[in-house]
Protein backbone atom coordinates (compact mmCIF):
# COMPACT_ATOMS: atom_id res chain seq x y z
CA GLU A 1 -57.76 -59.39 -136.52
CA LYS A 2 -55.25 -56.45 -134.54
CA GLN A 3 -54.31 -54.44 -137.55
CA LYS A 4 -58.15 -54.25 -138.04
CA GLU A 5 -58.57 -52.60 -135.16
CA GLU A 6 -55.71 -50.32 -135.30
CA ASN A 7 -56.88 -49.13 -138.66
CA ASN A 8 -60.74 -48.88 -136.86
CA SER A 9 -59.08 -46.63 -134.36
CA THR A 10 -56.89 -44.38 -136.29
CA GLU A 11 -60.33 -44.52 -138.63
CA CYS A 12 -62.37 -43.01 -135.53
CA SER A 13 -59.61 -40.40 -134.31
CA GLU A 14 -59.48 -39.14 -137.68
CA SER A 15 -63.55 -38.96 -137.94
CA GLY A 16 -63.22 -36.37 -135.20
CA ASN A 17 -61.72 -34.06 -137.40
CA MET A 18 -64.98 -34.66 -139.68
CA ASP A 19 -62.85 -35.77 -142.49
CA LEU A 20 -64.39 -38.38 -145.11
CA LYS A 21 -61.79 -40.60 -146.67
CA PHE A 22 -62.62 -42.71 -150.14
CA THR A 23 -59.31 -44.65 -150.31
CA SER A 24 -60.03 -46.18 -153.53
CA SER A 25 -60.01 -42.75 -155.55
CA ARG A 26 -57.26 -41.62 -152.84
CA LYS A 27 -59.81 -38.55 -152.53
CA TYR A 28 -61.29 -36.78 -149.03
CA ILE A 29 -63.61 -33.81 -148.64
CA SER A 30 -63.03 -32.15 -145.77
CA ILE A 31 -65.82 -30.60 -143.73
CA SER A 32 -64.02 -28.08 -140.52
CA VAL A 33 -66.08 -27.39 -137.60
CA PRO A 34 -64.90 -24.14 -136.01
CA SER A 35 -64.72 -24.38 -132.33
CA LYS A 36 -66.90 -22.43 -129.47
CA SER A 37 -63.33 -19.66 -129.61
CA GLN A 38 -64.05 -19.29 -133.37
CA THR A 39 -67.88 -18.75 -133.52
CA MET A 40 -68.29 -15.48 -134.58
CA SER A 41 -70.66 -13.01 -133.39
CA PRO A 42 -73.78 -12.29 -135.71
CA HIS A 43 -72.77 -8.59 -135.30
CA ILE A 44 -69.17 -8.40 -137.12
CA LYS A 45 -70.17 -8.32 -140.26
CA SER A 46 -72.50 -5.59 -139.93
CA VAL A 47 -68.96 -3.67 -138.27
CA ASP A 48 -66.98 -4.74 -140.72
CA ASP A 49 -69.21 -3.04 -143.33
CA VAL A 50 -69.88 0.60 -144.26
CA VAL A 51 -73.43 1.58 -144.82
CA VAL A 52 -74.47 5.34 -145.81
CA LEU A 53 -78.12 6.14 -146.20
CA GLY A 54 -79.07 2.28 -145.84
CA MET A 55 -76.55 1.52 -148.73
CA ASN A 56 -73.75 -1.10 -147.93
CA LEU A 57 -70.61 0.40 -149.99
CA SER A 58 -69.15 -2.76 -148.67
CA LYS A 59 -70.37 -4.76 -151.66
CA PHE A 60 -68.45 -2.64 -153.93
CA ASN A 61 -64.84 -2.42 -154.95
CA LYS A 62 -62.55 0.69 -154.00
CA PRO A 63 -62.96 2.51 -156.60
CA THR A 64 -66.90 2.84 -157.03
CA GLN A 65 -66.74 3.58 -153.08
CA PHE A 66 -64.85 6.26 -154.01
CA PHE A 67 -66.91 7.66 -156.88
CA ILE A 68 -69.99 7.02 -154.60
CA CYS A 69 -68.69 8.96 -151.51
CA VAL A 70 -67.27 11.80 -153.86
CA SER A 71 -70.33 12.08 -155.81
CA GLY A 72 -72.56 12.04 -152.57
CA VAL A 73 -70.53 14.45 -151.31
CA PHE A 74 -70.47 17.15 -153.83
CA MET A 75 -73.78 16.92 -154.40
CA PHE A 76 -75.40 17.21 -151.19
CA TYR A 77 -72.61 19.84 -150.08
CA LEU A 78 -73.48 22.28 -153.23
CA ILE A 79 -76.86 22.30 -151.75
CA TYR A 80 -75.43 23.01 -148.74
CA GLY A 81 -73.42 25.99 -149.74
CA TYR A 82 -76.03 27.27 -151.70
CA LEU A 83 -79.13 27.52 -148.60
CA GLN A 84 -76.25 28.73 -146.28
CA GLU A 85 -75.66 31.90 -147.89
CA LEU A 86 -79.17 32.00 -148.78
CA ILE A 87 -80.13 32.09 -145.19
CA PHE A 88 -77.48 34.74 -144.03
CA SER A 89 -78.33 37.09 -147.09
CA VAL A 90 -81.84 37.57 -144.85
CA GLU A 91 -81.53 41.10 -143.85
CA GLY A 92 -81.05 41.27 -139.58
CA PHE A 93 -80.08 37.46 -139.67
CA LYS A 94 -76.08 37.88 -139.44
CA PRO A 95 -75.74 38.21 -135.61
CA PHE A 96 -76.82 34.39 -135.00
CA GLY A 97 -74.73 32.77 -136.41
CA TRP A 98 -74.44 30.27 -133.24
CA TYR A 99 -78.43 30.31 -133.30
CA LEU A 100 -78.06 28.47 -136.98
CA THR A 101 -75.59 25.77 -135.21
CA LEU A 102 -78.13 24.86 -132.53
CA VAL A 103 -80.82 24.10 -134.93
CA GLN A 104 -78.46 22.82 -137.22
CA PHE A 105 -77.22 20.15 -134.46
CA GLY A 106 -80.71 19.87 -133.05
CA PHE A 107 -81.84 18.36 -136.63
CA TYR A 108 -78.89 16.23 -137.01
CA SER A 109 -78.97 14.96 -133.86
CA ILE A 110 -83.10 13.54 -134.89
CA PHE A 111 -81.90 12.39 -138.14
CA GLY A 112 -79.12 10.52 -136.88
CA LEU A 113 -81.72 8.80 -134.62
CA ILE A 114 -84.15 7.78 -137.23
CA GLU A 115 -80.80 6.29 -139.33
CA LEU A 116 -79.52 4.49 -136.00
CA GLN A 117 -83.23 2.85 -135.34
CA LEU A 118 -82.80 1.91 -139.22
CA ILE A 119 -79.67 -0.66 -138.33
CA GLN A 120 -79.60 -3.43 -136.56
CA ASP A 121 -76.50 -3.49 -134.12
CA LYS A 122 -77.76 0.02 -132.57
CA ARG A 123 -74.75 -0.50 -129.50
CA ARG A 124 -72.49 2.59 -128.86
CA ARG A 125 -69.46 1.29 -129.38
CA ILE A 126 -67.26 4.59 -128.91
CA PRO A 127 -66.15 5.85 -125.73
CA GLY A 128 -68.34 8.63 -124.03
CA LYS A 129 -65.42 10.88 -123.49
CA THR A 130 -64.21 10.52 -127.20
CA TYR A 131 -67.58 11.70 -127.72
CA MET A 132 -67.11 14.45 -125.46
CA ILE A 133 -64.02 15.52 -127.25
CA ILE A 134 -65.31 14.88 -130.85
CA ALA A 135 -68.56 17.34 -130.19
CA PHE A 136 -66.51 20.16 -128.62
CA LEU A 137 -64.33 20.23 -131.45
CA THR A 138 -67.22 19.78 -134.08
CA VAL A 139 -69.12 22.72 -132.35
CA GLY A 140 -65.68 24.50 -132.74
CA THR A 141 -65.63 23.83 -136.71
CA MET A 142 -69.42 24.39 -137.41
CA GLY A 143 -70.05 27.52 -134.67
CA LEU A 144 -67.50 28.99 -135.54
CA SER A 145 -67.65 28.68 -139.08
CA ASN A 146 -71.51 29.85 -139.02
CA THR A 147 -70.62 32.60 -136.83
CA SER A 148 -67.92 33.96 -139.22
CA LEU A 149 -70.24 34.28 -142.17
CA GLY A 150 -71.20 37.50 -140.05
CA TYR A 151 -68.35 39.15 -140.28
CA LEU A 152 -66.81 37.83 -143.57
CA ASN A 153 -68.26 37.19 -147.23
CA TYR A 154 -69.18 33.28 -147.98
CA PRO A 155 -66.24 32.97 -150.75
CA THR A 156 -63.75 34.39 -148.38
CA GLN A 157 -64.85 32.01 -145.58
CA VAL A 158 -64.49 29.52 -147.87
CA ILE A 159 -61.40 29.89 -148.47
CA PHE A 160 -60.14 30.33 -145.14
CA LYS A 161 -61.74 26.95 -144.74
CA CYS A 162 -59.94 25.23 -147.52
CA CYS A 163 -56.71 25.69 -146.04
CA LYS A 164 -56.72 23.07 -143.23
CA LEU A 165 -54.59 20.59 -145.67
CA ILE A 166 -51.60 21.39 -143.68
CA PRO A 167 -53.12 21.55 -140.46
CA VAL A 168 -54.86 18.19 -140.86
CA MET A 169 -51.43 16.62 -142.28
CA ILE A 170 -49.94 18.16 -138.89
CA GLY A 171 -52.43 16.52 -137.01
CA GLY A 172 -52.28 13.26 -138.49
CA VAL A 173 -48.22 13.12 -137.47
CA PHE A 174 -48.95 14.07 -133.82
CA ILE A 175 -52.65 12.31 -133.42
CA GLN A 176 -52.18 8.84 -135.08
CA GLY A 177 -48.30 9.14 -135.67
CA LYS A 178 -48.46 9.34 -139.70
CA ARG A 179 -45.65 9.93 -142.32
CA TYR A 180 -46.39 11.83 -145.21
CA ASN A 181 -44.40 11.92 -148.21
CA ILE A 182 -43.21 14.89 -150.29
CA VAL A 183 -45.99 14.20 -153.01
CA ASP A 184 -48.63 15.26 -150.36
CA VAL A 185 -46.48 17.89 -148.93
CA SER A 186 -46.43 19.79 -152.29
CA ALA A 187 -50.24 19.03 -152.65
CA ALA A 188 -51.15 20.68 -149.85
CA LEU A 189 -48.81 23.04 -150.44
CA CYS A 190 -50.08 24.14 -153.70
CA MET A 191 -53.93 24.25 -152.69
CA SER A 192 -53.23 25.93 -149.70
CA LEU A 193 -51.09 28.42 -151.66
CA GLY A 194 -53.96 28.54 -155.04
CA LEU A 195 -56.65 29.25 -152.26
CA ILE A 196 -54.58 32.33 -150.37
CA TRP A 197 -54.16 33.64 -153.42
CA PHE A 198 -57.75 33.35 -154.02
CA THR A 199 -58.47 35.37 -151.03
CA LEU A 200 -55.95 38.08 -151.70
CA ALA A 201 -57.59 38.61 -155.26
CA ASP A 202 -60.96 38.81 -153.17
CA SER A 203 -59.34 41.38 -150.97
CA THR A 204 -58.40 43.65 -153.76
CA VAL A 205 -61.34 43.20 -155.73
CA ALA A 206 -64.09 43.27 -153.08
CA PRO A 207 -62.37 43.84 -149.58
CA ASN A 208 -64.73 42.87 -147.12
CA PHE A 209 -62.99 41.57 -144.13
CA ASN A 210 -63.22 41.56 -140.57
CA LEU A 211 -60.54 40.98 -137.47
CA THR A 212 -63.25 39.78 -135.61
CA GLY A 213 -64.36 36.95 -138.96
CA VAL A 214 -60.74 35.97 -139.55
CA VAL A 215 -60.10 35.19 -136.09
CA LEU A 216 -63.28 33.09 -135.91
CA ILE A 217 -62.76 31.16 -138.72
CA SER A 218 -59.23 30.46 -138.26
CA LEU A 219 -59.93 29.19 -135.30
CA ALA A 220 -62.75 26.96 -136.88
CA LEU A 221 -59.83 25.98 -138.84
CA CYS A 222 -57.71 24.79 -135.97
CA ALA A 223 -60.88 22.64 -134.57
CA ASP A 224 -61.51 21.59 -138.41
CA ALA A 225 -57.62 20.12 -138.60
CA VAL A 226 -58.18 18.35 -135.36
CA ILE A 227 -61.56 16.60 -136.11
CA GLY A 228 -60.69 14.48 -138.87
CA ASN A 229 -57.81 12.72 -137.32
CA VAL A 230 -59.76 12.18 -133.75
CA GLN A 231 -62.45 10.94 -135.77
CA GLU A 232 -60.75 8.63 -137.85
CA LYS A 233 -58.61 7.23 -134.99
CA ALA A 234 -62.45 6.88 -133.20
CA MET A 235 -64.02 4.90 -135.97
CA LYS A 236 -61.23 2.28 -136.80
CA LEU A 237 -60.06 1.51 -133.19
CA HIS A 238 -63.73 0.75 -131.78
CA ASN A 239 -65.62 0.09 -135.03
CA GLY A 240 -68.18 2.85 -134.87
CA SER A 241 -70.93 3.15 -137.70
CA ASN A 242 -71.17 6.62 -139.04
CA SER A 243 -74.71 6.65 -137.81
CA GLU A 244 -73.43 6.53 -133.81
CA MET A 245 -70.75 8.92 -134.85
CA VAL A 246 -73.30 11.34 -135.82
CA LEU A 247 -75.41 10.99 -133.60
CA TYR A 248 -73.80 11.29 -130.39
CA SER A 249 -71.32 14.04 -131.22
CA TYR A 250 -74.11 16.38 -132.39
CA SER A 251 -76.65 15.58 -129.63
CA ILE A 252 -73.52 16.52 -126.93
CA GLY A 253 -72.54 19.29 -129.23
CA PHE A 254 -76.45 20.56 -128.74
CA VAL A 255 -76.50 20.63 -125.33
CA TYR A 256 -73.02 22.61 -125.47
CA ILE A 257 -74.55 25.04 -127.83
CA LEU A 258 -77.82 25.56 -125.72
CA PHE A 259 -76.28 25.99 -122.69
CA GLY A 260 -73.83 28.68 -124.10
CA LEU A 261 -76.48 30.33 -125.39
CA THR A 262 -78.60 30.20 -122.58
CA CYS A 263 -75.69 31.86 -120.38
CA THR A 264 -74.63 34.44 -122.85
CA SER A 265 -78.53 35.68 -123.01
CA GLY A 266 -78.29 34.93 -126.58
CA LEU A 267 -81.06 32.54 -127.23
CA SER A 268 -83.97 34.81 -126.82
CA PRO A 269 -83.23 37.51 -129.59
CA ALA A 270 -83.00 34.61 -131.89
CA VAL A 271 -86.12 33.24 -131.39
CA THR A 272 -87.60 35.98 -131.91
CA PHE A 273 -86.27 37.10 -135.00
CA CYS A 274 -86.63 33.62 -136.75
CA SER A 275 -90.44 33.25 -135.13
CA LYS A 276 -90.84 36.96 -137.52
CA HIS A 277 -89.28 34.88 -140.84
CA PRO A 278 -89.92 31.14 -139.70
CA VAL A 279 -89.87 30.08 -143.77
CA GLN A 280 -86.52 32.05 -144.91
CA THR A 281 -84.91 30.75 -141.30
CA TYR A 282 -86.35 27.47 -139.77
CA GLY A 283 -87.60 26.54 -143.41
CA TYR A 284 -84.27 26.71 -144.96
CA ALA A 285 -82.50 25.63 -141.77
CA PHE A 286 -84.11 22.31 -142.22
CA LEU A 287 -83.01 21.78 -145.85
CA PHE A 288 -79.64 23.14 -144.93
CA SER A 289 -79.52 20.65 -141.87
CA LEU A 290 -80.65 17.36 -144.08
CA THR A 291 -78.35 17.82 -146.94
CA GLY A 292 -75.57 18.45 -144.62
CA TYR A 293 -76.46 15.61 -142.94
CA PHE A 294 -76.83 13.33 -146.17
CA GLY A 295 -73.09 15.08 -146.85
CA ILE A 296 -71.18 14.44 -143.29
CA SER A 297 -72.42 10.76 -143.63
CA PHE A 298 -70.59 10.42 -146.98
CA VAL A 299 -67.69 12.33 -145.47
CA LEU A 300 -67.63 9.81 -142.63
CA ALA A 301 -67.74 7.06 -144.75
CA LEU A 302 -64.68 8.50 -146.75
CA ILE A 303 -63.05 9.01 -143.74
CA LYS A 304 -63.32 5.06 -142.56
CA ILE A 305 -62.45 3.94 -145.74
CA PHE A 306 -59.97 6.02 -147.36
CA GLY A 307 -58.48 8.50 -144.56
CA ALA A 308 -58.95 11.64 -143.47
CA LEU A 309 -56.32 13.38 -146.17
CA LEU A 310 -57.86 12.30 -148.94
CA ALA A 311 -61.36 13.04 -147.67
CA VAL A 312 -60.19 16.43 -146.85
CA THR A 313 -58.39 16.70 -150.53
CA VAL A 314 -62.31 15.73 -151.78
CA THR A 315 -63.77 18.43 -149.07
CA THR A 316 -61.76 20.93 -150.55
CA GLY A 317 -62.11 20.64 -154.15
CA ARG A 318 -66.19 20.27 -152.94
CA LYS A 319 -65.81 24.07 -151.93
CA ALA A 320 -64.02 25.68 -154.95
CA MET A 321 -66.51 24.34 -156.64
CA THR A 322 -69.20 26.28 -154.56
CA ILE A 323 -67.21 29.15 -154.82
CA VAL A 324 -67.55 29.10 -158.61
CA LEU A 325 -71.26 28.23 -157.70
CA SER A 326 -71.54 31.28 -155.14
CA PHE A 327 -70.20 33.63 -157.84
CA PHE A 328 -73.02 32.59 -160.47
CA PHE A 329 -75.84 32.49 -158.18
CA PHE A 330 -74.69 35.77 -156.01
CA ALA A 331 -73.65 38.76 -157.93
CA LYS A 332 -69.74 39.44 -156.87
CA PRO A 333 -66.96 41.12 -158.94
CA PHE A 334 -64.80 38.86 -160.90
CA THR A 335 -60.98 38.63 -162.35
CA LEU A 336 -58.09 36.64 -163.31
CA GLN A 337 -56.58 35.90 -160.54
CA TYR A 338 -59.50 33.44 -159.74
CA VAL A 339 -58.90 31.12 -162.51
CA TRP A 340 -54.84 31.38 -161.86
CA SER A 341 -55.40 30.46 -158.29
CA GLY A 342 -57.72 27.99 -159.19
CA LEU A 343 -55.88 25.71 -161.48
CA LEU A 344 -52.97 25.68 -158.51
CA VAL A 345 -55.75 24.09 -156.37
CA VAL A 346 -56.01 21.71 -159.21
CA LEU A 347 -52.75 20.91 -159.65
CA GLY A 348 -52.72 20.06 -155.69
CA ILE A 349 -55.64 18.11 -156.12
CA PHE A 350 -53.62 16.33 -159.12
CA LEU A 351 -50.66 15.73 -156.40
CA ASN A 352 -52.86 14.11 -153.94
CA VAL A 353 -54.63 11.65 -156.39
CA TYR A 354 -51.12 10.90 -157.90
CA SER A 355 -49.65 9.73 -154.37
CA LYS A 356 -52.29 7.61 -153.64
CA ASN A 357 -51.77 5.61 -156.47
CA MET A 358 -47.99 5.78 -157.20
CA ASP A 359 -48.33 2.08 -157.55
CA LYS A 360 -50.33 2.51 -160.25
CA ILE A 361 -49.46 5.61 -162.12
CA LYS A 362 -45.32 6.14 -163.09
CA LEU A 363 -44.46 9.34 -164.10
CA PRO A 364 -41.29 9.57 -165.90
CA SER A 365 -38.34 11.03 -163.80
CA LEU A 366 -35.83 13.88 -164.86
CA ARG A 367 -33.17 11.52 -165.38
CA GLY A 368 -35.01 8.93 -167.74
CA LEU A 369 -36.02 12.01 -169.79
CA TRP A 370 -32.60 13.33 -169.84
CA LYS A 371 -31.53 9.41 -170.83
CA LYS A 372 -34.20 9.13 -173.19
CA SER A 373 -33.16 12.76 -175.15
CA VAL A 374 -29.80 11.85 -174.70
CA GLU A 375 -30.36 8.20 -176.47
CA GLU A 376 -33.10 9.94 -179.54
CA ARG A 377 -29.91 12.48 -179.94
CA LYS A 378 -27.13 9.39 -180.61
CA SER A 379 -29.74 8.11 -183.08
CA ARG A 380 -30.69 10.62 -184.70
CA THR A 381 -26.67 11.19 -184.87
CA LEU A 382 -26.27 7.77 -186.50
CA SER A 383 -29.07 7.91 -189.15
CA GLN A 384 -27.60 11.17 -189.96
CA THR A 385 -23.90 9.32 -190.71
CA VAL A 386 -25.20 6.33 -192.11
């Protein structure tokens, strides 16, 4: 009886662990109940998910996520680039680049607010101070870039923006403490040198350079190099969503630009001009902002999933395609130097993709090729002797 009582007590203690034992078959079913400290919040899953335009990318594998993001970036940003050049082709609009950025930021804020209302978790996770810094950098990169089109032609402006690979890598080293291998450095050098060569060809065939435009696009380049790393660090540290990032960064940036235009008396002339051409300004600006908003959503998804360097590589390839379409839709002189510089950019893109998949793609080394050639020579000599 004492043994039975002891057995019953041990079974009662084991039942606290929710283990149902069947001694006859020596099999048991274990049901674990999480403690209060282990209970997960209903919002945890939504934080880890990457949602772009209502589509949850976390349900797909990495190659599918990469394909969807790259397709979205190329499709929307190609239309974005065409509309941007089309707006600045309107006679008399070139001095109003900052006003176009103000309208663009206003539309982005509205789109971000609408998208944020469609998701379950509407809390702001990234601190306000961080958003103030990101908004300032966003105003710098987009405002200075739009304004530079008043002094430079569109392909030259795009070429300068494509040279941000090296500043992004430098920013990754100083901001996030990253370390890049020689393949990443070679990829950045190839792409930057190819695009610089493209710029030299453009200056030879159709010189349209202005020192003010070069300074503006260079400052935009510096801001653009920093913003990708800051966004990546903030989104990974605080698990912020894409819609949250777009809403707060562009709404704060809208206030920055509005204050600047009001202080410099640049708001009234722009409003007067655009009111005379509402379709070519506000109409195109709406489509321009809509495609840009969709594009930035996919770029932020790329940054969050794959990192800033790969996102910049994809956007750089998109810019090269934009240049090709710019020559196709808008009449410009052409030279074969554009082709060679484009091939150098493609080589840089291949090196970057290879650096991300070095474990899957194993290229033969020079030493291995030399040994293989020596072995083939020995085998040929031996066969001839026999």
